[in-house]
Amino acid sequence: MLTSTDFRGLFNERFFRNFLPVPATSYFRLEIGTPDFQLPDITNGTLVKLSNYRGKQPVLLAFTRIFTEKQYCPFCFPHIKALNENYEKFKNTGVEVLLITSTDEKQSQIVVKDLGLQMPLLSDPGCFVFRRYRVGQALGAPLPAQFILDQEGKLRYRHLFSFLDHNASVETLLAQFNLII
């Protein structure tokens, strides 16, 4: 018996807006603070404003690629699971992990439940924050990237997607936080 992939919901406005390839660019200077934003946290039902962490704790911004609530990027799915499985390690280090997706709130609610997410999942269906951080895009969705911000909101580490190195490992990210804490 053959099974087919469920593509319902994939070909939407967001898909076509992000279809053409745009490479990730690294325009942030390390000594300058990163762009602020406010997005809904689907996991906890609140609004998260990045600047609320400044002066309090370091943050990992983990931009991830989820096409729909049923279709995960094959490079990002294992990364999302690894971040979620190690969320307590980040918290015990004093770090907040903010996972950012371009799925809408309804799709994101299904993702939270499906994956049993403990960490905040922020919904950015207009891809405004993805674009402000210049993570790039291709084939219908923004590309993944990771940014480590110190407690003052300054960028200390960034990992932009490449086909040779999709996402920074949990070990690499934790090691970077150990350098700034």
N, C-alpha and C. Protein backbone atom coordinates (compact mmCIF):
# COMPACT_ATOMS: atom_id res chain seq x y z
N MET A 1 0.84 -1.18 0.00
CA MET A 1 0.00 0.00 0.00
C MET A 1 0.88 1.24 0.00
N LEU A 2 0.61 2.15 -0.90
CA LEU A 2 1.35 3.41 -0.98
C LEU A 2 0.68 4.45 -0.10
N THR A 3 1.48 5.24 0.57
CA THR A 3 0.94 6.36 1.33
C THR A 3 1.42 7.64 0.69
N SER A 4 0.66 8.67 0.84
CA SER A 4 1.05 9.95 0.26
C SER A 4 1.21 10.98 1.38
N THR A 5 2.01 11.97 1.09
CA THR A 5 2.21 13.06 2.05
C THR A 5 1.02 14.00 1.97
N ASP A 6 0.60 14.48 3.11
CA ASP A 6 -0.51 15.42 3.19
C ASP A 6 0.02 16.83 2.98
N PHE A 7 -0.28 17.41 1.82
CA PHE A 7 0.21 18.75 1.50
C PHE A 7 -0.82 19.84 1.77
N ARG A 8 -1.94 19.48 2.42
CA ARG A 8 -2.94 20.50 2.72
C ARG A 8 -2.33 21.56 3.61
N GLY A 9 -2.57 22.79 3.27
CA GLY A 9 -2.08 23.89 4.07
C GLY A 9 -0.68 24.35 3.71
N LEU A 10 0.03 23.58 2.89
CA LEU A 10 1.41 23.95 2.55
C LEU A 10 1.46 25.12 1.58
N PHE A 11 0.64 25.08 0.56
CA PHE A 11 0.69 26.11 -0.47
C PHE A 11 -0.24 27.25 -0.10
N ASN A 12 0.28 28.15 0.72
CA ASN A 12 -0.48 29.30 1.19
C ASN A 12 0.30 30.57 0.88
N GLU A 13 -0.19 31.71 1.34
CA GLU A 13 0.47 32.99 1.08
C GLU A 13 1.91 32.99 1.60
N ARG A 14 2.12 32.45 2.79
CA ARG A 14 3.46 32.40 3.38
C ARG A 14 4.40 31.60 2.49
N PHE A 15 3.93 30.47 1.94
CA PHE A 15 4.75 29.64 1.07
C PHE A 15 5.24 30.44 -0.14
N PHE A 16 4.33 31.12 -0.81
CA PHE A 16 4.70 31.86 -2.02
C PHE A 16 5.56 33.08 -1.70
N ARG A 17 5.32 33.71 -0.57
CA ARG A 17 6.13 34.87 -0.15
C ARG A 17 7.58 34.45 0.15
N ASN A 18 7.78 33.21 0.56
CA ASN A 18 9.11 32.70 0.92
C ASN A 18 9.66 31.69 -0.08
N PHE A 19 9.06 31.61 -1.25
CA PHE A 19 9.45 30.58 -2.21
C PHE A 19 10.84 30.81 -2.80
N LEU A 20 11.09 32.02 -3.29
CA LEU A 20 12.36 32.29 -3.95
C LEU A 20 13.51 32.30 -2.93
N PRO A 21 14.64 31.72 -3.30
CA PRO A 21 15.76 31.69 -2.37
C PRO A 21 16.32 33.08 -2.07
N VAL A 22 16.52 33.35 -0.80
CA VAL A 22 17.20 34.55 -0.33
C VAL A 22 18.24 34.05 0.67
N PRO A 23 19.52 34.26 0.41
CA PRO A 23 20.53 33.75 1.33
C PRO A 23 20.51 34.48 2.67
N ALA A 24 20.92 33.77 3.70
CA ALA A 24 21.07 34.39 5.01
C ALA A 24 22.22 35.38 4.94
N THR A 25 22.07 36.50 5.60
CA THR A 25 23.16 37.48 5.65
C THR A 25 23.45 37.80 7.10
N SER A 26 24.66 38.09 7.35
CA SER A 26 25.13 38.32 8.71
C SER A 26 25.49 39.80 8.86
N TYR A 27 24.48 40.62 9.13
CA TYR A 27 24.74 42.06 9.18
C TYR A 27 24.91 42.59 10.60
N PHE A 28 24.65 41.78 11.61
CA PHE A 28 24.77 42.26 12.99
C PHE A 28 26.24 42.40 13.37
N ARG A 29 26.55 43.46 14.06
CA ARG A 29 27.87 43.61 14.66
C ARG A 29 27.75 43.15 16.11
N LEU A 30 28.73 42.44 16.59
CA LEU A 30 28.65 41.84 17.91
C LEU A 30 28.45 42.84 19.04
N GLU A 31 28.96 44.04 18.89
CA GLU A 31 28.87 44.99 20.00
C GLU A 31 27.54 45.76 20.02
N ILE A 32 26.73 45.56 19.02
CA ILE A 32 25.45 46.27 18.94
C ILE A 32 24.33 45.33 19.34
N GLY A 33 23.34 45.85 20.04
CA GLY A 33 22.20 45.04 20.44
C GLY A 33 21.40 44.56 19.24
N THR A 34 20.61 43.53 19.44
CA THR A 34 19.82 42.93 18.37
C THR A 34 18.44 43.57 18.30
N PRO A 35 17.77 43.44 17.15
CA PRO A 35 16.43 44.03 17.01
C PRO A 35 15.43 43.45 18.01
N ASP A 36 14.65 44.30 18.61
CA ASP A 36 13.61 43.88 19.53
C ASP A 36 12.39 43.39 18.74
N PHE A 37 11.58 42.58 19.39
CA PHE A 37 10.34 42.10 18.78
C PHE A 37 9.39 41.65 19.88
N GLN A 38 8.14 41.49 19.49
CA GLN A 38 7.12 40.94 20.38
C GLN A 38 6.31 39.93 19.58
N LEU A 39 6.21 38.70 20.09
CA LEU A 39 5.48 37.63 19.41
C LEU A 39 4.68 36.82 20.42
N PRO A 40 3.58 36.19 19.97
CA PRO A 40 2.83 35.33 20.88
C PRO A 40 3.58 34.04 21.18
N ASP A 41 3.62 33.67 22.46
CA ASP A 41 4.19 32.41 22.91
C ASP A 41 3.04 31.40 22.96
N ILE A 42 3.04 30.48 22.03
CA ILE A 42 1.95 29.51 21.90
C ILE A 42 1.99 28.49 23.04
N THR A 43 3.18 28.14 23.51
CA THR A 43 3.32 27.16 24.58
C THR A 43 2.68 27.63 25.87
N ASN A 44 2.87 28.91 26.20
CA ASN A 44 2.42 29.44 27.50
C ASN A 44 1.24 30.40 27.39
N GLY A 45 0.80 30.72 26.18
CA GLY A 45 -0.36 31.60 26.01
C GLY A 45 -0.10 33.04 26.41
N THR A 46 1.12 33.53 26.23
CA THR A 46 1.47 34.90 26.59
C THR A 46 2.11 35.61 25.39
N LEU A 47 2.41 36.88 25.56
CA LEU A 47 3.20 37.61 24.57
C LEU A 47 4.62 37.72 25.11
N VAL A 48 5.59 37.50 24.24
CA VAL A 48 6.99 37.60 24.63
C VAL A 48 7.61 38.79 23.92
N LYS A 49 8.24 39.65 24.70
CA LYS A 49 8.97 40.78 24.15
C LYS A 49 10.45 40.55 24.48
N LEU A 50 11.26 40.50 23.45
CA LEU A 50 12.68 40.19 23.64
C LEU A 50 13.35 41.13 24.63
N SER A 51 13.05 42.40 24.56
CA SER A 51 13.71 43.38 25.44
C SER A 51 13.42 43.13 26.92
N ASN A 52 12.38 42.37 27.25
CA ASN A 52 12.09 42.05 28.65
C ASN A 52 13.16 41.18 29.29
N TYR A 53 14.00 40.53 28.47
CA TYR A 53 15.07 39.69 28.99
C TYR A 53 16.35 40.47 29.24
N ARG A 54 16.45 41.65 28.64
CA ARG A 54 17.67 42.45 28.79
C ARG A 54 17.88 42.83 30.25
N GLY A 55 19.12 42.67 30.67
CA GLY A 55 19.47 42.95 32.06
C GLY A 55 19.11 41.83 33.00
N LYS A 56 18.49 40.76 32.49
CA LYS A 56 18.04 39.67 33.35
C LYS A 56 18.74 38.35 33.07
N GLN A 57 18.72 37.92 31.79
CA GLN A 57 19.30 36.61 31.48
C GLN A 57 19.64 36.51 30.00
N PRO A 58 20.57 35.61 29.65
CA PRO A 58 20.88 35.37 28.25
C PRO A 58 19.73 34.61 27.57
N VAL A 59 19.70 34.72 26.24
CA VAL A 59 18.62 34.13 25.45
C VAL A 59 19.20 33.43 24.23
N LEU A 60 18.63 32.28 23.91
CA LEU A 60 18.89 31.61 22.64
C LEU A 60 17.68 31.82 21.75
N LEU A 61 17.88 32.51 20.63
CA LEU A 61 16.83 32.63 19.62
C LEU A 61 17.08 31.51 18.63
N ALA A 62 16.16 30.57 18.57
CA ALA A 62 16.29 29.42 17.68
C ALA A 62 15.21 29.52 16.61
N PHE A 63 15.57 30.08 15.46
CA PHE A 63 14.64 30.17 14.34
C PHE A 63 14.56 28.79 13.71
N THR A 64 13.35 28.28 13.53
CA THR A 64 13.18 26.94 13.00
C THR A 64 12.25 26.93 11.81
N ARG A 65 12.35 25.88 11.05
CA ARG A 65 11.62 25.75 9.79
C ARG A 65 10.57 24.66 9.94
N ILE A 66 9.32 25.08 10.07
CA ILE A 66 8.19 24.16 10.12
C ILE A 66 7.27 24.61 9.00
N PHE A 67 6.96 23.71 8.08
CA PHE A 67 6.14 24.09 6.93
C PHE A 67 4.66 24.21 7.30
N THR A 68 4.12 23.18 7.93
CA THR A 68 2.76 23.20 8.45
C THR A 68 2.77 22.36 9.73
N GLU A 69 1.63 22.28 10.38
CA GLU A 69 1.56 21.49 11.61
C GLU A 69 1.81 20.00 11.36
N LYS A 70 1.82 19.58 10.10
CA LYS A 70 2.04 18.18 9.76
C LYS A 70 3.36 17.95 9.03
N GLN A 71 4.05 19.02 8.66
CA GLN A 71 5.25 18.89 7.85
C GLN A 71 6.41 19.70 8.45
N TYR A 72 7.39 18.97 8.94
CA TYR A 72 8.57 19.57 9.55
C TYR A 72 9.74 19.48 8.57
N CYS A 73 10.60 20.44 8.63
CA CYS A 73 11.84 20.40 7.87
C CYS A 73 12.65 19.20 8.37
N PRO A 74 13.18 18.37 7.47
CA PRO A 74 13.95 17.20 7.93
C PRO A 74 15.24 17.58 8.66
N PHE A 75 15.77 18.79 8.44
CA PHE A 75 16.96 19.25 9.16
C PHE A 75 16.58 19.83 10.52
N CYS A 76 15.41 20.43 10.60
CA CYS A 76 15.00 21.13 11.83
C CYS A 76 14.30 20.22 12.84
N PHE A 77 13.58 19.22 12.36
CA PHE A 77 12.84 18.36 13.27
C PHE A 77 13.74 17.76 14.35
N PRO A 78 14.89 17.15 13.99
CA PRO A 78 15.75 16.61 15.06
C PRO A 78 16.31 17.70 15.97
N HIS A 79 16.53 18.89 15.41
CA HIS A 79 17.05 20.00 16.21
C HIS A 79 16.00 20.48 17.22
N ILE A 80 14.76 20.59 16.78
CA ILE A 80 13.67 20.98 17.69
C ILE A 80 13.57 19.98 18.83
N LYS A 81 13.58 18.69 18.48
CA LYS A 81 13.49 17.65 19.51
C LYS A 81 14.66 17.72 20.49
N ALA A 82 15.87 17.94 19.97
CA ALA A 82 17.06 18.02 20.84
C ALA A 82 16.98 19.23 21.77
N LEU A 83 16.54 20.37 21.24
CA LEU A 83 16.38 21.56 22.09
C LEU A 83 15.35 21.30 23.19
N ASN A 84 14.23 20.69 22.81
CA ASN A 84 13.18 20.41 23.78
C ASN A 84 13.65 19.42 24.85
N GLU A 85 14.38 18.37 24.43
CA GLU A 85 14.88 17.37 25.37
C GLU A 85 15.92 17.96 26.32
N ASN A 86 16.60 19.02 25.90
CA ASN A 86 17.65 19.64 26.70
C ASN A 86 17.23 21.00 27.28
N TYR A 87 15.95 21.31 27.20
CA TYR A 87 15.47 22.61 27.67
C TYR A 87 15.84 22.85 29.14
N GLU A 88 15.74 21.83 29.97
CA GLU A 88 16.07 21.98 31.39
C GLU A 88 17.54 22.32 31.57
N LYS A 89 18.42 21.76 30.73
CA LYS A 89 19.85 22.10 30.82
C LYS A 89 20.06 23.58 30.56
N PHE A 90 19.36 24.12 29.55
CA PHE A 90 19.46 25.55 29.27
C PHE A 90 18.94 26.36 30.46
N LYS A 91 17.77 25.98 30.96
CA LYS A 91 17.17 26.70 32.09
C LYS A 91 18.07 26.65 33.32
N ASN A 92 18.68 25.49 33.57
CA ASN A 92 19.57 25.35 34.73
C ASN A 92 20.84 26.18 34.58
N THR A 93 21.17 26.54 33.35
CA THR A 93 22.32 27.41 33.08
C THR A 93 21.91 28.87 33.16
N GLY A 94 20.61 29.14 33.33
CA GLY A 94 20.13 30.51 33.41
C GLY A 94 19.76 31.10 32.06
N VAL A 95 19.55 30.24 31.06
CA VAL A 95 19.29 30.67 29.69
C VAL A 95 17.83 30.39 29.33
N GLU A 96 17.21 31.35 28.63
CA GLU A 96 15.88 31.10 28.07
C GLU A 96 16.03 30.76 26.60
N VAL A 97 15.31 29.74 26.16
CA VAL A 97 15.29 29.33 24.76
C VAL A 97 13.98 29.81 24.17
N LEU A 98 14.06 30.59 23.10
CA LEU A 98 12.87 31.05 22.39
C LEU A 98 12.91 30.44 20.99
N LEU A 99 12.04 29.48 20.75
CA LEU A 99 11.93 28.81 19.46
C LEU A 99 10.96 29.62 18.62
N ILE A 100 11.39 30.04 17.43
CA ILE A 100 10.57 30.91 16.58
C ILE A 100 10.22 30.18 15.30
N THR A 101 8.93 30.15 14.98
CA THR A 101 8.43 29.46 13.79
C THR A 101 7.59 30.41 12.95
N SER A 102 7.46 30.08 11.68
CA SER A 102 6.62 30.90 10.81
C SER A 102 5.21 30.32 10.66
N THR A 103 4.90 29.26 11.39
CA THR A 103 3.54 28.73 11.35
C THR A 103 2.61 29.67 12.12
N ASP A 104 1.34 29.68 11.74
CA ASP A 104 0.38 30.56 12.42
C ASP A 104 0.03 29.97 13.79
N GLU A 105 -0.75 30.70 14.55
CA GLU A 105 -1.04 30.29 15.93
C GLU A 105 -1.75 28.94 15.99
N LYS A 106 -2.71 28.71 15.11
CA LYS A 106 -3.45 27.44 15.12
C LYS A 106 -2.50 26.28 14.80
N GLN A 107 -1.69 26.43 13.76
CA GLN A 107 -0.72 25.38 13.42
C GLN A 107 0.28 25.18 14.55
N SER A 108 0.73 26.28 15.14
CA SER A 108 1.72 26.21 16.21
C SER A 108 1.18 25.51 17.44
N GLN A 109 -0.11 25.67 17.74
CA GLN A 109 -0.73 24.97 18.87
C GLN A 109 -0.65 23.46 18.66
N ILE A 110 -0.87 23.02 17.43
CA ILE A 110 -0.78 21.59 17.11
C ILE A 110 0.66 21.10 17.26
N VAL A 111 1.63 21.91 16.82
CA VAL A 111 3.05 21.56 16.96
C VAL A 111 3.42 21.41 18.43
N VAL A 112 3.00 22.35 19.27
CA VAL A 112 3.30 22.29 20.71
C VAL A 112 2.78 20.99 21.30
N LYS A 113 1.55 20.66 20.98
CA LYS A 113 0.94 19.44 21.51
C LYS A 113 1.61 18.19 20.92
N ASP A 114 1.82 18.20 19.60
CA ASP A 114 2.40 17.05 18.91
C ASP A 114 3.79 16.71 19.43
N LEU A 115 4.60 17.72 19.69
CA LEU A 115 5.98 17.50 20.12
C LEU A 115 6.15 17.58 21.63
N GLY A 116 5.08 17.92 22.35
CA GLY A 116 5.18 18.04 23.80
C GLY A 116 6.19 19.11 24.19
N LEU A 117 6.15 20.25 23.50
CA LEU A 117 7.15 21.30 23.73
C LEU A 117 7.03 21.87 25.14
N GLN A 118 8.18 22.00 25.77
CA GLN A 118 8.28 22.65 27.08
C GLN A 118 8.70 24.10 26.92
N MET A 119 9.55 24.35 25.93
CA MET A 119 10.10 25.69 25.71
C MET A 119 9.09 26.55 24.96
N PRO A 120 9.21 27.85 25.08
CA PRO A 120 8.31 28.75 24.37
C PRO A 120 8.45 28.59 22.85
N LEU A 121 7.31 28.47 22.17
CA LEU A 121 7.25 28.47 20.71
C LEU A 121 6.56 29.76 20.30
N LEU A 122 7.33 30.64 19.65
CA LEU A 122 6.82 31.94 19.23
C LEU A 122 6.38 31.88 17.77
N SER A 123 5.20 32.39 17.50
CA SER A 123 4.61 32.33 16.17
C SER A 123 4.82 33.64 15.42
N ASP A 124 5.44 33.54 14.25
CA ASP A 124 5.73 34.70 13.39
C ASP A 124 5.29 34.39 11.95
N PRO A 125 3.95 34.22 11.73
CA PRO A 125 3.48 33.82 10.41
C PRO A 125 3.75 34.84 9.31
N GLY A 126 3.92 36.09 9.65
CA GLY A 126 4.26 37.11 8.66
C GLY A 126 5.75 37.15 8.35
N CYS A 127 6.51 36.38 9.10
CA CYS A 127 7.98 36.26 8.93
C CYS A 127 8.70 37.58 9.13
N PHE A 128 8.11 38.49 9.89
CA PHE A 128 8.71 39.79 10.12
C PHE A 128 10.01 39.69 10.92
N VAL A 129 10.01 38.87 11.97
CA VAL A 129 11.22 38.72 12.79
C VAL A 129 12.28 37.94 12.01
N PHE A 130 11.86 36.92 11.28
CA PHE A 130 12.80 36.19 10.44
C PHE A 130 13.53 37.16 9.50
N ARG A 131 12.79 38.07 8.90
CA ARG A 131 13.40 39.03 7.96
C ARG A 131 14.30 40.04 8.68
N ARG A 132 13.87 40.49 9.85
CA ARG A 132 14.70 41.45 10.61
C ARG A 132 16.04 40.85 11.00
N TYR A 133 16.05 39.55 11.23
CA TYR A 133 17.29 38.87 11.59
C TYR A 133 18.00 38.30 10.36
N ARG A 134 17.45 38.50 9.20
CA ARG A 134 18.05 38.13 7.91
C ARG A 134 18.53 36.68 7.86
N VAL A 135 17.65 35.77 8.24
CA VAL A 135 18.01 34.35 8.24
C VAL A 135 17.93 33.72 6.86
N GLY A 136 17.30 34.41 5.91
CA GLY A 136 17.17 33.87 4.56
C GLY A 136 15.90 33.03 4.42
N GLN A 137 15.65 32.59 3.19
CA GLN A 137 14.45 31.80 2.91
C GLN A 137 14.68 30.95 1.67
N ALA A 138 13.88 29.90 1.53
CA ALA A 138 13.92 29.07 0.34
C ALA A 138 12.76 28.09 0.36
N LEU A 139 12.21 27.82 -0.81
CA LEU A 139 11.18 26.80 -0.99
C LEU A 139 10.04 26.87 0.01
N GLY A 140 9.55 28.06 0.24
CA GLY A 140 8.32 28.23 0.99
C GLY A 140 8.42 28.52 2.47
N ALA A 141 9.63 28.64 3.01
CA ALA A 141 9.75 28.93 4.44
C ALA A 141 11.10 29.59 4.73
N PRO A 142 11.15 30.38 5.79
CA PRO A 142 12.43 30.95 6.21
C PRO A 142 13.40 29.85 6.61
N LEU A 143 14.68 30.16 6.55
CA LEU A 143 15.71 29.19 6.91
C LEU A 143 15.95 29.21 8.42
N PRO A 144 16.47 28.11 8.98
CA PRO A 144 16.78 28.08 10.41
C PRO A 144 18.05 28.86 10.72
N ALA A 145 18.14 29.30 11.96
CA ALA A 145 19.33 30.01 12.44
C ALA A 145 19.27 30.04 13.96
N GLN A 146 20.42 30.22 14.59
CA GLN A 146 20.47 30.35 16.04
C GLN A 146 21.31 31.58 16.39
N PHE A 147 20.80 32.36 17.34
CA PHE A 147 21.48 33.55 17.83
C PHE A 147 21.56 33.47 19.35
N ILE A 148 22.73 33.67 19.88
CA ILE A 148 22.91 33.71 21.33
C ILE A 148 23.11 35.16 21.73
N LEU A 149 22.25 35.61 22.63
CA LEU A 149 22.31 36.97 23.15
C LEU A 149 22.71 36.92 24.62
N ASP A 150 23.63 37.80 25.01
CA ASP A 150 23.99 37.84 26.43
C ASP A 150 22.90 38.56 27.21
N GLN A 151 23.09 38.69 28.52
CA GLN A 151 22.03 39.28 29.35
C GLN A 151 21.77 40.75 29.03
N GLU A 152 22.66 41.38 28.28
CA GLU A 152 22.44 42.78 27.87
C GLU A 152 21.84 42.87 26.46
N GLY A 153 21.56 41.72 25.86
CA GLY A 153 20.94 41.71 24.53
C GLY A 153 21.92 41.81 23.38
N LYS A 154 23.20 41.72 23.67
CA LYS A 154 24.21 41.79 22.61
C LYS A 154 24.45 40.41 22.01
N LEU A 155 24.59 40.39 20.71
CA LEU A 155 24.84 39.15 20.00
C LEU A 155 26.24 38.64 20.33
N ARG A 156 26.31 37.39 20.78
CA ARG A 156 27.59 36.78 21.13
C ARG A 156 27.94 35.61 20.21
N TYR A 157 26.93 35.04 19.55
CA TYR A 157 27.17 33.90 18.66
C TYR A 157 26.00 33.82 17.69
N ARG A 158 26.31 33.43 16.47
CA ARG A 158 25.24 33.19 15.50
C ARG A 158 25.61 32.00 14.64
N HIS A 159 24.61 31.26 14.27
CA HIS A 159 24.78 30.14 13.35
C HIS A 159 23.70 30.28 12.28
N LEU A 160 24.13 30.49 11.06
CA LEU A 160 23.20 30.61 9.94
C LEU A 160 23.21 29.30 9.15
N PHE A 161 22.07 28.95 8.61
CA PHE A 161 21.90 27.70 7.87
C PHE A 161 22.85 27.60 6.69
N SER A 162 23.39 26.41 6.52
CA SER A 162 24.07 26.03 5.28
C SER A 162 23.79 24.54 5.09
N PHE A 163 23.92 24.07 3.86
CA PHE A 163 23.66 22.65 3.63
C PHE A 163 24.71 21.77 4.27
N LEU A 164 25.86 22.32 4.59
CA LEU A 164 26.91 21.54 5.24
C LEU A 164 26.75 21.53 6.76
N ASP A 165 26.10 22.54 7.30
CA ASP A 165 25.93 22.67 8.75
C ASP A 165 24.58 23.33 9.02
N HIS A 166 23.54 22.51 9.12
CA HIS A 166 22.16 23.00 9.18
C HIS A 166 21.85 23.83 10.41
N ASN A 167 22.11 23.27 11.58
CA ASN A 167 21.80 23.90 12.86
C ASN A 167 22.95 23.66 13.83
N ALA A 168 23.19 24.61 14.72
CA ALA A 168 24.21 24.42 15.75
C ALA A 168 23.70 23.37 16.73
N SER A 169 24.57 22.46 17.13
CA SER A 169 24.18 21.39 18.06
C SER A 169 23.90 21.96 19.45
N VAL A 170 23.16 21.21 20.23
CA VAL A 170 22.88 21.60 21.61
C VAL A 170 24.20 21.77 22.37
N GLU A 171 25.14 20.89 22.15
CA GLU A 171 26.44 20.96 22.82
C GLU A 171 27.16 22.26 22.48
N THR A 172 27.16 22.63 21.20
CA THR A 172 27.80 23.87 20.77
C THR A 172 27.12 25.07 21.41
N LEU A 173 25.81 25.07 21.43
CA LEU A 173 25.07 26.20 22.00
C LEU A 173 25.33 26.32 23.51
N LEU A 174 25.28 25.21 24.22
CA LEU A 174 25.55 25.26 25.66
C LEU A 174 26.98 25.72 25.93
N ALA A 175 27.93 25.28 25.12
CA ALA A 175 29.32 25.69 25.30
C ALA A 175 29.47 27.21 25.08
N GLN A 176 28.74 27.75 24.13
CA GLN A 176 28.79 29.20 23.88
C GLN A 176 28.24 29.97 25.08
N PHE A 177 27.18 29.47 25.69
CA PHE A 177 26.62 30.14 26.87
C PHE A 177 27.59 30.06 28.04
N ASN A 178 28.31 28.96 28.16
CA ASN A 178 29.29 28.85 29.25
C ASN A 178 30.39 29.90 29.11
N LEU A 179 30.64 30.38 27.89
CA LEU A 179 31.66 31.40 27.66
C LEU A 179 31.20 32.80 28.10
N ILE A 180 29.87 33.02 28.09
CA ILE A 180 29.38 34.37 28.41
C ILE A 180 28.78 34.49 29.81
N ILE A 181 28.54 33.38 30.45
CA ILE A 181 27.90 33.43 31.79
C ILE A 181 28.96 33.50 32.86
